[in-house]
């Protein structure tokens, strides 16, 4: 699947893995009758598309739809969140900032 800029999930996964070398964690904060409300967080310790790290903890909140097996193992998860607020923290405020390589 492509994002709005024509990038694949594999591309974005690599970019964010570089920006958060210590991991970008997810926890369920509240379970409604589905979906759960969750949070992703990580320390911005690596470069993000030319933007230098600042060492700050970056958080994003959203709603997730998780599918589990009969023994409650996670099978599939979809996250819904506002990417503008998240990317703005990585780019210094402008969520649509673009730098040529």
PDB file of N, CA and C in Angstrom:
ATOM      1  N   UNK A   1       0.843  -1.173   0.000  1.00  0.00           N
ATOM      2  CA  UNK A   1       0.000   0.000   0.000  1.00  0.00           C
ATOM      3  C   UNK A   1       0.890   1.238   0.000  1.00  0.00           C
ATOM      4  N   UNK A   2       0.488   2.268  -0.732  1.00  0.00           N
ATOM      5  CA  UNK A   2       1.237   3.510  -0.828  1.00  0.00           C
ATOM      6  C   UNK A   2       0.598   4.577   0.047  1.00  0.00           C
ATOM      7  N   UNK A   3       1.453   5.468   0.591  1.00  0.00           N
ATOM      8  CA  UNK A   3       0.914   6.606   1.335  1.00  0.00           C
ATOM      9  C   UNK A   3       0.650   7.744   0.356  1.00  0.00           C
ATOM     10  N   UNK A   4       0.259   8.907   0.845  1.00  0.00           N
ATOM     11  CA  UNK A   4      -0.060  10.040  -0.006  1.00  0.00           C
ATOM     12  C   UNK A   4       1.093  10.540  -0.851  1.00  0.00           C
ATOM     13  N   UNK A   5       2.337  10.232  -0.451  1.00  0.00           N
ATOM     14  CA  UNK A   5       3.509  10.666  -1.204  1.00  0.00           C
ATOM     15  C   UNK A   5       4.047   9.551  -2.096  1.00  0.00           C
ATOM     16  N   UNK A   6       3.310   8.440  -2.209  1.00  0.00           N
ATOM     17  CA  UNK A   6       3.737   7.347  -3.066  1.00  0.00           C
ATOM     18  C   UNK A   6       4.770   6.427  -2.442  1.00  0.00           C
ATOM     19  N   UNK A   7       4.930   6.482  -1.112  1.00  0.00           N
ATOM     20  CA  UNK A   7       5.896   5.634  -0.434  1.00  0.00           C
ATOM     21  C   UNK A   7       5.196   4.384   0.090  1.00  0.00           C
ATOM     22  N   UNK A   8       5.952   3.302   0.169  1.00  0.00           N
ATOM     23  CA  UNK A   8       5.390   2.058   0.690  1.00  0.00           C
ATOM     24  C   UNK A   8       5.567   1.990   2.193  1.00  0.00           C
ATOM     25  N   UNK A   9       4.863   1.046   2.836  1.00  0.00           N
ATOM     26  CA  UNK A   9       5.019   0.819   4.267  1.00  0.00           C
ATOM     27  C   UNK A   9       6.466   0.477   4.590  1.00  0.00           C
ATOM     28  N   UNK A  10       7.117  -0.349   3.755  1.00  0.00           N
ATOM     29  CA  UNK A  10       8.512  -0.731   4.013  1.00  0.00           C
ATOM     30  C   UNK A  10       9.416   0.490   4.075  1.00  0.00           C
ATOM     31  N   UNK A  11       9.187   1.466   3.172  1.00  0.00           N
ATOM     32  CA  UNK A  11       9.981   2.691   3.194  1.00  0.00           C
ATOM     33  C   UNK A  11       9.775   3.450   4.496  1.00  0.00           C
ATOM     34  N   UNK A  12       8.510   3.675   4.873  1.00  0.00           N
ATOM     35  CA  UNK A  12       8.241   4.461   6.078  1.00  0.00           C
ATOM     36  C   UNK A  12       8.703   3.715   7.322  1.00  0.00           C
ATOM     37  N   UNK A  13       8.578   2.391   7.325  1.00  0.00           N
ATOM     38  CA  UNK A  13       9.054   1.612   8.474  1.00  0.00           C
ATOM     39  C   UNK A  13      10.552   1.838   8.671  1.00  0.00           C
ATOM     40  N   UNK A  14      11.338   1.807   7.600  1.00  0.00           N
ATOM     41  CA  UNK A  14      12.788   2.016   7.697  1.00  0.00           C
ATOM     42  C   UNK A  14      13.104   3.436   8.171  1.00  0.00           C
ATOM     43  N   UNK A  15      12.407   4.433   7.627  1.00  0.00           N
ATOM     44  CA  UNK A  15      12.651   5.829   8.001  1.00  0.00           C
ATOM     45  C   UNK A  15      12.407   6.030   9.492  1.00  0.00           C
ATOM     46  N   UNK A  16      11.300   5.506  10.021  1.00  0.00           N
ATOM     47  CA  UNK A  16      11.001   5.692  11.431  1.00  0.00           C
ATOM     48  C   UNK A  16      11.877   4.827  12.316  1.00  0.00           C
ATOM     49  N   UNK A  17      12.306   3.676  11.836  1.00  0.00           N
ATOM     50  CA  UNK A  17      13.230   2.844  12.616  1.00  0.00           C
ATOM     51  C   UNK A  17      14.545   3.597  12.822  1.00  0.00           C
ATOM     52  N   UNK A  18      14.968   4.341  11.812  1.00  0.00           N
ATOM     53  CA  UNK A  18      16.185   5.148  11.933  1.00  0.00           C
ATOM     54  C   UNK A  18      15.975   6.295  12.924  1.00  0.00           C
ATOM     55  N   UNK A  19      14.804   6.925  12.908  1.00  0.00           N
ATOM     56  CA  UNK A  19      14.523   8.056  13.797  1.00  0.00           C
ATOM     57  C   UNK A  19      14.362   7.634  15.246  1.00  0.00           C
ATOM     58  N   UNK A  20      13.901   6.409  15.486  1.00  0.00           N
ATOM     59  CA  UNK A  20      13.666   5.900  16.840  1.00  0.00           C
ATOM     60  C   UNK A  20      14.422   4.592  17.039  1.00  0.00           C
ATOM     61  N   UNK A  21      15.778   4.659  17.099  1.00  0.00           N
ATOM     62  CA  UNK A  21      16.555   3.421  17.200  1.00  0.00           C
ATOM     63  C   UNK A  21      16.269   2.624  18.465  1.00  0.00           C
ATOM     64  N   UNK A  22      15.762   3.251  19.504  1.00  0.00           N
ATOM     65  CA  UNK A  22      15.438   2.549  20.737  1.00  0.00           C
ATOM     66  C   UNK A  22      14.057   1.916  20.718  1.00  0.00           C
ATOM     67  N   UNK A  23      13.298   2.078  19.633  1.00  0.00           N
ATOM     68  CA  UNK A  23      11.972   1.498  19.499  1.00  0.00           C
ATOM     69  C   UNK A  23      10.892   2.552  19.566  1.00  0.00           C
ATOM     70  N   UNK A  24       9.730   2.229  19.060  1.00  0.00           N
ATOM     71  CA  UNK A  24       8.556   3.100  19.091  1.00  0.00           C
ATOM     72  C   UNK A  24       7.421   2.224  19.595  1.00  0.00           C
ATOM     73  N   UNK A  25       7.127   2.338  20.852  1.00  0.00           N
ATOM     74  CA  UNK A  25       6.298   1.391  21.573  1.00  0.00           C
ATOM     75  C   UNK A  25       4.814   1.685  21.435  1.00  0.00           C
ATOM     76  N   UNK A  26       3.998   0.711  21.764  1.00  0.00           N
ATOM     77  CA  UNK A  26       2.549   0.833  21.689  1.00  0.00           C
ATOM     78  C   UNK A  26       1.950   0.172  22.910  1.00  0.00           C
ATOM     79  N   UNK A  27       0.983   0.839  23.516  1.00  0.00           N
ATOM     80  CA  UNK A  27       0.280   0.248  24.646  1.00  0.00           C
ATOM     81  C   UNK A  27      -1.198   0.566  24.528  1.00  0.00           C
ATOM     82  N   UNK A  28      -2.024  -0.325  25.007  1.00  0.00           N
ATOM     83  CA  UNK A  28      -3.465  -0.093  25.041  1.00  0.00           C
ATOM     84  C   UNK A  28      -3.775   0.665  26.318  1.00  0.00           C
ATOM     85  N   UNK A  29      -4.383   1.829  26.183  1.00  0.00           N
ATOM     86  CA  UNK A  29      -4.714   2.658  27.331  1.00  0.00           C
ATOM     87  C   UNK A  29      -6.144   2.437  27.803  1.00  0.00           C
ATOM     88  N   UNK A  30      -7.015   2.095  26.872  1.00  0.00           N
ATOM     89  CA  UNK A  30      -8.417   1.920  27.231  1.00  0.00           C
ATOM     90  C   UNK A  30      -9.059   1.033  26.179  1.00  0.00           C
ATOM     91  N   UNK A  31      -9.850   0.093  26.592  1.00  0.00           N
ATOM     92  CA  UNK A  31     -10.560  -0.754  25.642  1.00  0.00           C
ATOM     93  C   UNK A  31     -12.032  -0.391  25.707  1.00  0.00           C
ATOM     94  N   UNK A  32     -12.532   0.082  24.588  1.00  0.00           N
ATOM     95  CA  UNK A  32     -13.949   0.366  24.483  1.00  0.00           C
ATOM     96  C   UNK A  32     -14.578  -0.941  23.990  1.00  0.00           C
ATOM     97  N   UNK A  33     -15.627  -0.967  23.448  1.00  0.00           N
ATOM     98  CA  UNK A  33     -16.216  -2.235  23.048  1.00  0.00           C
ATOM     99  C   UNK A  33     -16.137  -2.364  21.549  1.00  0.00           C
ATOM    100  N   UNK A  34     -15.143  -2.753  20.992  1.00  0.00           N
ATOM    101  CA  UNK A  34     -13.924  -2.229  20.386  1.00  0.00           C
ATOM    102  C   UNK A  34     -14.145  -0.852  19.787  1.00  0.00           C
ATOM    103  N   UNK A  35     -13.189  -0.123  19.446  1.00  0.00           N
ATOM    104  CA  UNK A  35     -11.748  -0.410  19.390  1.00  0.00           C
ATOM    105  C   UNK A  35     -10.999   0.142  20.601  1.00  0.00           C
ATOM    106  N   UNK A  36      -9.771  -0.308  20.818  1.00  0.00           N
ATOM    107  CA  UNK A  36      -8.980   0.239  21.926  1.00  0.00           C
ATOM    108  C   UNK A  36      -8.385   1.603  21.571  1.00  0.00           C
ATOM    109  N   UNK A  37      -8.218   2.442  22.582  1.00  0.00           N
ATOM    110  CA  UNK A  37      -7.526   3.719  22.426  1.00  0.00           C
ATOM    111  C   UNK A  37      -6.081   3.465  22.838  1.00  0.00           C
ATOM    112  N   UNK A  38      -5.132   3.870  22.012  1.00  0.00           N
ATOM    113  CA  UNK A  38      -3.742   3.539  22.296  1.00  0.00           C
ATOM    114  C   UNK A  38      -2.794   4.696  22.119  1.00  0.00           C
ATOM    115  N   UNK A  39      -1.553   4.412  22.414  1.00  0.00           N
ATOM    116  CA  UNK A  39      -0.498   5.417  22.328  1.00  0.00           C
ATOM    117  C   UNK A  39       0.748   4.743  21.780  1.00  0.00           C
ATOM    118  N   UNK A  40       1.429   5.425  20.862  1.00  0.00           N
ATOM    119  CA  UNK A  40       2.757   5.042  20.398  1.00  0.00           C
ATOM    120  C   UNK A  40       3.713   6.066  20.996  1.00  0.00           C
ATOM    121  N   UNK A  41       4.906   5.654  21.365  1.00  0.00           N
ATOM    122  CA  UNK A  41       5.889   6.616  21.850  1.00  0.00           C
ATOM    123  C   UNK A  41       7.291   6.088  21.606  1.00  0.00           C
ATOM    124  N   UNK A  42       8.227   7.015  21.518  1.00  0.00           N
ATOM    125  CA  UNK A  42       9.635   6.677  21.334  1.00  0.00           C
ATOM    126  C   UNK A  42      10.477   7.919  21.516  1.00  0.00           C
ATOM    127  N   UNK A  43      11.766   7.723  21.730  1.00  0.00           N
ATOM    128  CA  UNK A  43      12.701   8.841  21.879  1.00  0.00           C
ATOM    129  C   UNK A  43      13.286   9.143  20.509  1.00  0.00           C
ATOM    130  N   UNK A  44      13.169  10.385  20.078  1.00  0.00           N
ATOM    131  CA  UNK A  44      13.653  10.828  18.770  1.00  0.00           C
ATOM    132  C   UNK A  44      15.172  10.991  18.846  1.00  0.00           C
ATOM    133  N   UNK A  45      15.881   9.860  18.724  1.00  0.00           N
ATOM    134  CA  UNK A  45      17.345   9.832  18.851  1.00  0.00           C
ATOM    135  C   UNK A  45      18.064   9.655  17.523  1.00  0.00           C
ATOM    136  N   UNK A  46      17.341   9.539  16.438  1.00  0.00           N
ATOM    137  CA  UNK A  46      17.965   9.339  15.132  1.00  0.00           C
ATOM    138  C   UNK A  46      17.416  10.329  14.127  1.00  0.00           C
ATOM    139  N   UNK A  47      18.135  10.488  13.022  1.00  0.00           N
ATOM    140  CA  UNK A  47      17.733  11.430  11.989  1.00  0.00           C
ATOM    141  C   UNK A  47      16.439  10.997  11.323  1.00  0.00           C
ATOM    142  N   UNK A  48      15.588  11.973  10.971  1.00  0.00           N
ATOM    143  CA  UNK A  48      14.371  11.719  10.212  1.00  0.00           C
ATOM    144  C   UNK A  48      14.405  12.556   8.945  1.00  0.00           C
ATOM    145  N   UNK A  49      14.691  11.947   7.806  1.00  0.00           N
ATOM    146  CA  UNK A  49      14.720  12.591   6.498  1.00  0.00           C
ATOM    147  C   UNK A  49      15.439  13.934   6.511  1.00  0.00           C
ATOM    148  N   UNK A  50      16.618  13.971   7.068  1.00  0.00           N
ATOM    149  CA  UNK A  50      17.424  15.187   7.097  1.00  0.00           C
ATOM    150  C   UNK A  50      17.203  16.061   8.313  1.00  0.00           C
ATOM    151  N   UNK A  51      16.214  15.775   9.117  1.00  0.00           N
ATOM    152  CA  UNK A  51      15.952  16.532  10.338  1.00  0.00           C
ATOM    153  C   UNK A  51      16.713  15.867  11.479  1.00  0.00           C
ATOM    154  N   UNK A  52      17.539  16.622  12.203  1.00  0.00           N
ATOM    155  CA  UNK A  52      18.354  16.031  13.272  1.00  0.00           C
ATOM    156  C   UNK A  52      17.509  15.630  14.483  1.00  0.00           C
ATOM    157  N   UNK A  53      17.961  14.624  15.210  1.00  0.00           N
ATOM    158  CA  UNK A  53      17.240  14.210  16.416  1.00  0.00           C
ATOM    159  C   UNK A  53      17.330  15.272  17.498  1.00  0.00           C
ATOM    160  N   UNK A  54      16.351  15.272  18.408  1.00  0.00           N
ATOM    161  CA  UNK A  54      16.374  16.241  19.506  1.00  0.00           C
ATOM    162  C   UNK A  54      16.311  15.562  20.869  1.00  0.00           C
ATOM    163  N   UNK A  55      16.271  14.226  20.898  1.00  0.00           N
ATOM    164  CA  UNK A  55      16.274  13.501  22.159  1.00  0.00           C
ATOM    165  C   UNK A  55      14.965  13.541  22.927  1.00  0.00           C
ATOM    166  N   UNK A  56      13.934  14.165  22.365  1.00  0.00           N
ATOM    167  CA  UNK A  56      12.657  14.268  23.064  1.00  0.00           C
ATOM    168  C   UNK A  56      11.810  13.017  22.855  1.00  0.00           C
ATOM    169  N   UNK A  57      10.981  12.716  23.839  1.00  0.00           N
ATOM    170  CA  UNK A  57      10.027  11.636  23.696  1.00  0.00           C
ATOM    171  C   UNK A  57       8.866  12.135  22.843  1.00  0.00           C
ATOM    172  N   UNK A  58       8.549  11.392  21.793  1.00  0.00           N
ATOM    173  CA  UNK A  58       7.468  11.744  20.891  1.00  0.00           C
ATOM    174  C   UNK A  58       6.330  10.759  21.132  1.00  0.00           C
ATOM    175  N   UNK A  59       5.121  11.292  21.303  1.00  0.00           N
ATOM    176  CA  UNK A  59       3.946  10.464  21.546  1.00  0.00           C
ATOM    177  C   UNK A  59       2.888  10.772  20.500  1.00  0.00           C
ATOM    178  N   UNK A  60       2.095   9.771  20.187  1.00  0.00           N
ATOM    179  CA  UNK A  60       0.905  10.009  19.374  1.00  0.00           C
ATOM    180  C   UNK A  60      -0.193   9.104  19.896  1.00  0.00           C
ATOM    181  N   UNK A  61      -1.395   9.649  19.936  1.00  0.00           N
ATOM    182  CA  UNK A  61      -2.549   8.922  20.440  1.00  0.00           C
ATOM    183  C   UNK A  61      -3.508   8.665  19.292  1.00  0.00           C
ATOM    184  N   UNK A  62      -4.198   7.571  19.365  1.00  0.00           N
ATOM    185  CA  UNK A  62      -5.161   7.254  18.332  1.00  0.00           C
ATOM    186  C   UNK A  62      -6.022   6.084  18.732  1.00  0.00           C
ATOM    187  N   UNK A  63      -6.757   5.616  17.770  1.00  0.00           N
ATOM    188  CA  UNK A  63      -7.633   4.472  17.964  1.00  0.00           C
ATOM    189  C   UNK A  63      -7.057   3.324  17.148  1.00  0.00           C
ATOM    190  N   UNK A  64      -7.057   2.143  17.725  1.00  0.00           N
ATOM    191  CA  UNK A  64      -6.546   0.967  17.038  1.00  0.00           C
ATOM    192  C   UNK A  64      -7.615  -0.109  16.989  1.00  0.00           C
ATOM    193  N   UNK A  65      -7.616  -0.829  15.894  1.00  0.00           N
ATOM    194  CA  UNK A  65      -8.481  -1.994  15.751  1.00  0.00           C
ATOM    195  C   UNK A  65      -7.553  -3.193  15.735  1.00  0.00           C
ATOM    196  N   UNK A  66      -7.658  -4.023  16.764  1.00  0.00           N
ATOM    197  CA  UNK A  66      -6.783  -5.190  16.895  1.00  0.00           C
ATOM    198  C   UNK A  66      -7.598  -6.458  16.737  1.00  0.00           C
ATOM    199  N   UNK A  67      -7.065  -7.383  15.970  1.00  0.00           N
ATOM    200  CA  UNK A  67      -7.687  -8.696  15.827  1.00  0.00           C
ATOM    201  C   UNK A  67      -6.781  -9.695  16.531  1.00  0.00           C
ATOM    202  N   UNK A  68      -7.389 -10.564  17.332  1.00  0.00           N
ATOM    203  CA  UNK A  68      -6.611 -11.559  18.069  1.00  0.00           C
ATOM    204  C   UNK A  68      -7.127 -12.955  17.740  1.00  0.00           C
ATOM    205  N   UNK A  69      -6.254 -13.945  17.967  1.00  0.00           N
ATOM    206  CA  UNK A  69      -6.631 -15.340  17.760  1.00  0.00           C
ATOM    207  C   UNK A  69      -7.429 -15.829  18.964  1.00  0.00           C
ATOM    208  N   UNK A  70      -7.887 -17.063  18.903  1.00  0.00           N
ATOM    209  CA  UNK A  70      -8.657 -17.637  20.014  1.00  0.00           C
ATOM    210  C   UNK A  70      -7.870 -17.658  21.314  1.00  0.00           C
ATOM    211  N   UNK A  71      -6.533 -17.768  21.210  1.00  0.00           N
ATOM    212  CA  UNK A  71      -5.706 -17.764  22.425  1.00  0.00           C
ATOM    213  C   UNK A  71      -5.172 -16.360  22.747  1.00  0.00           C
ATOM    214  N   UNK A  72      -5.820 -15.329  22.163  1.00  0.00           N
ATOM    215  CA  UNK A  72      -5.556 -13.908  22.416  1.00  0.00           C
ATOM    216  C   UNK A  72      -4.192 -13.426  21.947  1.00  0.00           C
ATOM    217  N   UNK A  73      -3.625 -14.074  20.943  1.00  0.00           N
ATOM    218  CA  UNK A  73      -2.389 -13.574  20.323  1.00  0.00           C
ATOM    219  C   UNK A  73      -2.776 -12.560  19.247  1.00  0.00           C
ATOM    220  N   UNK A  74      -2.005 -11.486  19.172  1.00  0.00           N
ATOM    221  CA  UNK A  74      -2.282 -10.430  18.201  1.00  0.00           C
ATOM    222  C   UNK A  74      -2.067 -10.964  16.792  1.00  0.00           C
ATOM    223  N   UNK A  75      -3.084 -10.843  15.960  1.00  0.00           N
ATOM    224  CA  UNK A  75      -3.027 -11.326  14.586  1.00  0.00           C
ATOM    225  C   UNK A  75      -2.868 -10.160  13.618  1.00  0.00           C
ATOM    226  N   UNK A  76      -3.592  -9.085  13.870  1.00  0.00           N
ATOM    227  CA  UNK A  76      -3.587  -7.933  12.970  1.00  0.00           C
ATOM    228  C   UNK A  76      -3.950  -6.696  13.771  1.00  0.00           C
ATOM    229  N   UNK A  77      -3.348  -5.556  13.408  1.00  0.00           N
ATOM    230  CA  UNK A  77      -3.697  -4.315  14.082  1.00  0.00           C
ATOM    231  C   UNK A  77      -3.671  -3.168  13.076  1.00  0.00           C
ATOM    232  N   UNK A  78      -4.662  -2.309  13.145  1.00  0.00           N
ATOM    233  CA  UNK A  78      -4.747  -1.106  12.315  1.00  0.00           C
ATOM    234  C   UNK A  78      -4.796   0.084  13.255  1.00  0.00           C
ATOM    235  N   UNK A  79      -3.973   1.107  12.982  1.00  0.00           N
ATOM    236  CA  UNK A  79      -3.915   2.296  13.835  1.00  0.00           C
ATOM    237  C   UNK A  79      -4.493   3.486  13.071  1.00  0.00           C
ATOM    238  N   UNK A  80      -5.277   4.285  13.757  1.00  0.00           N
ATOM    239  CA  UNK A  80      -5.848   5.507  13.198  1.00  0.00           C
ATOM    240  C   UNK A  80      -5.445   6.665  14.097  1.00  0.00           C
ATOM    241  N   UNK A  81      -4.717   7.643  13.539  1.00  0.00           N
ATOM    242  CA  UNK A  81      -4.197   8.768  14.305  1.00  0.00           C
ATOM    243  C   UNK A  81      -3.992   9.951  13.372  1.00  0.00           C
ATOM    244  N   UNK A  82      -3.700  11.101  13.945  1.00  0.00           N
ATOM    245  CA  UNK A  82      -3.440  12.306  13.163  1.00  0.00           C
ATOM    246  C   UNK A  82      -1.944  12.373  12.857  1.00  0.00           C
ATOM    247  N   UNK A  83      -1.521  12.045  11.641  1.00  0.00           N
ATOM    248  CA  UNK A  83      -0.091  12.046  11.334  1.00  0.00           C
ATOM    249  C   UNK A  83       0.525  13.444  11.315  1.00  0.00           C
ATOM    250  N   UNK A  84      -0.275  14.488  11.113  1.00  0.00           N
ATOM    251  CA  UNK A  84       0.271  15.851  11.060  1.00  0.00           C
ATOM    252  C   UNK A  84       0.897  16.253  12.389  1.00  0.00           C
ATOM    253  N   UNK A  85       0.231  15.964  13.486  1.00  0.00           N
ATOM    254  CA  UNK A  85       0.779  16.317  14.797  1.00  0.00           C
ATOM    255  C   UNK A  85       2.058  15.534  15.066  1.00  0.00           C
ATOM    256  N   UNK A  86       2.067  14.254  14.707  1.00  0.00           N
ATOM    257  CA  UNK A  86       3.242  13.405  14.915  1.00  0.00           C
ATOM    258  C   UNK A  86       4.428  13.876  14.073  1.00  0.00           C
ATOM    259  N   UNK A  87       4.222  14.061  12.775  1.00  0.00           N
ATOM    260  CA  UNK A  87       5.320  14.460  11.893  1.00  0.00           C
ATOM    261  C   UNK A  87       5.805  15.867  12.204  1.00  0.00           C
ATOM    262  N   UNK A  88       4.916  16.724  12.699  1.00  0.00           N
ATOM    263  CA  UNK A  88       5.328  18.079  13.081  1.00  0.00           C
ATOM    264  C   UNK A  88       6.375  18.068  14.180  1.00  0.00           C
ATOM    265  N   UNK A  89       6.308  17.077  15.071  1.00  0.00           N
ATOM    266  CA  UNK A  89       7.307  16.969  16.143  1.00  0.00           C
ATOM    267  C   UNK A  89       8.661  16.536  15.600  1.00  0.00           C
ATOM    268  N   UNK A  90       8.676  15.824  14.490  1.00  0.00           N
ATOM    269  CA  UNK A  90       9.938  15.384  13.887  1.00  0.00           C
ATOM    270  C   UNK A  90      10.551  16.434  12.973  1.00  0.00           C
ATOM    271  N   UNK A  91       9.715  17.310  12.420  1.00  0.00           N
ATOM    272  CA  UNK A  91      10.195  18.269  11.433  1.00  0.00           C
ATOM    273  C   UNK A  91      10.290  19.689  11.962  1.00  0.00           C
ATOM    274  N   UNK A  92      10.086  19.865  13.262  1.00  0.00           N
ATOM    275  CA  UNK A  92      10.197  21.195  13.844  1.00  0.00           C
ATOM    276  C   UNK A  92       8.947  22.031  13.692  1.00  0.00           C
ATOM    277  N   UNK A  93       7.810  21.426  13.440  1.00  0.00           N
ATOM    278  CA  UNK A  93       6.566  22.172  13.418  1.00  0.00           C
ATOM    279  C   UNK A  93       5.779  22.087  12.140  1.00  0.00           C
ATOM    280  N   UNK A  94       6.414  21.943  11.021  1.00  0.00           N
ATOM    281  CA  UNK A  94       5.681  21.898   9.755  1.00  0.00           C
ATOM    282  C   UNK A  94       5.510  20.443   9.335  1.00  0.00           C
ATOM    283  N   UNK A  95       4.317  19.896   9.477  1.00  0.00           N
ATOM    284  CA  UNK A  95       4.132  18.480   9.179  1.00  0.00           C
ATOM    285  C   UNK A  95       4.294  18.106   7.725  1.00  0.00           C
ATOM    286  N   UNK A  96       4.248  19.075   6.818  1.00  0.00           N
ATOM    287  CA  UNK A  96       4.418  18.751   5.407  1.00  0.00           C
ATOM    288  C   UNK A  96       5.768  19.222   4.896  1.00  0.00           C
ATOM    289  N   UNK A  97       6.701  19.504   5.807  1.00  0.00           N
ATOM    290  CA  UNK A  97       8.033  19.961   5.401  1.00  0.00           C
ATOM    291  C   UNK A  97       8.682  18.908   4.515  1.00  0.00           C
ATOM    292  N   UNK A  98       9.384  19.377   3.508  1.00  0.00           N
ATOM    293  CA  UNK A  98      10.054  18.457   2.581  1.00  0.00           C
ATOM    294  C   UNK A  98      11.449  18.991   2.318  1.00  0.00           C
ATOM    295  N   UNK A  99      12.411  18.120   2.426  1.00  0.00           N
ATOM    296  CA  UNK A  99      13.799  18.485   2.106  1.00  0.00           C
ATOM    297  C   UNK A  99      14.272  17.565   0.997  1.00  0.00           C
ATOM    298  N   UNK A 100      14.943  18.147   0.035  1.00  0.00           N
ATOM    299  CA  UNK A 100      15.519  17.342  -1.041  1.00  0.00           C
ATOM    300  C   UNK A 100      16.700  16.560  -0.474  1.00  0.00           C
ATOM    301  N   UNK A 101      16.879  15.304  -0.945  1.00  0.00           N
ATOM    302  CA  UNK A 101      18.014  14.490  -0.452  1.00  0.00           C
ATOM    303  C   UNK A 101      19.348  15.046  -0.876  1.00  0.00           C
TER     304      UNK A 101
END
